[in-house]
């Protein structure tokens, strides 16, 4: 989890430093990056299920936190048109954007995940970037780690968020390619790609193909 958080923080800060002024966080939940990394001239769109988003907005109001740079976009990804919803919320597809998709894809049906990748690409101008996490089929886990993983997934399922999907090692690249994305060059490893595979997940930074 620490590595994943650092990856998305780095991608967010990198986009800001490159001059990207539009950042879209998909399934933002209670993510605080728009507050932690608030920057003049940078607009943020937080896309999330209407019920979750309403609760977050209540909590921000109760805490007296104002976030004028955030545009909240209530979207049910299994039903609603993300492209149309972003357009209605003032996102400009002619300008470069960073799209952040962190802890989401494992909780969506495969066709919805594929549609999400295609939708973000449809509104990604040249110079845009997609930062996304793919949960993969765990490998090389000890018995105790396997048990702990199952316990965590059962606990999450009991609160209404069952894990629906995991990906094989090659599937993230295949899905990105099919949606019109390609893996970006690494900012840290000369000649390398921004694709990091762990025991339970793949982190990818991609750009329009």
Foldseek 3Di string as FASTA:
>chain_A
DVVLVVLVLVVVVVCVVVPAQEEEEEQCQLPDCCPVVPDPSHAYEYEHAPVSVVVNVVVCVVVVHDRVRYQYFHDDLVDDQPLVSVVVSPDQLQGAYEYEAGPPPQQDPPVSVLVVLLSVLVSHHAVHKYKHKAWADAPPDDPVRVVVVVVVQVVCVVVPRHGDDHHHPCVVQVSNVVSQKHFDADPVDVVHTQWDDDRTMIITMIGGD
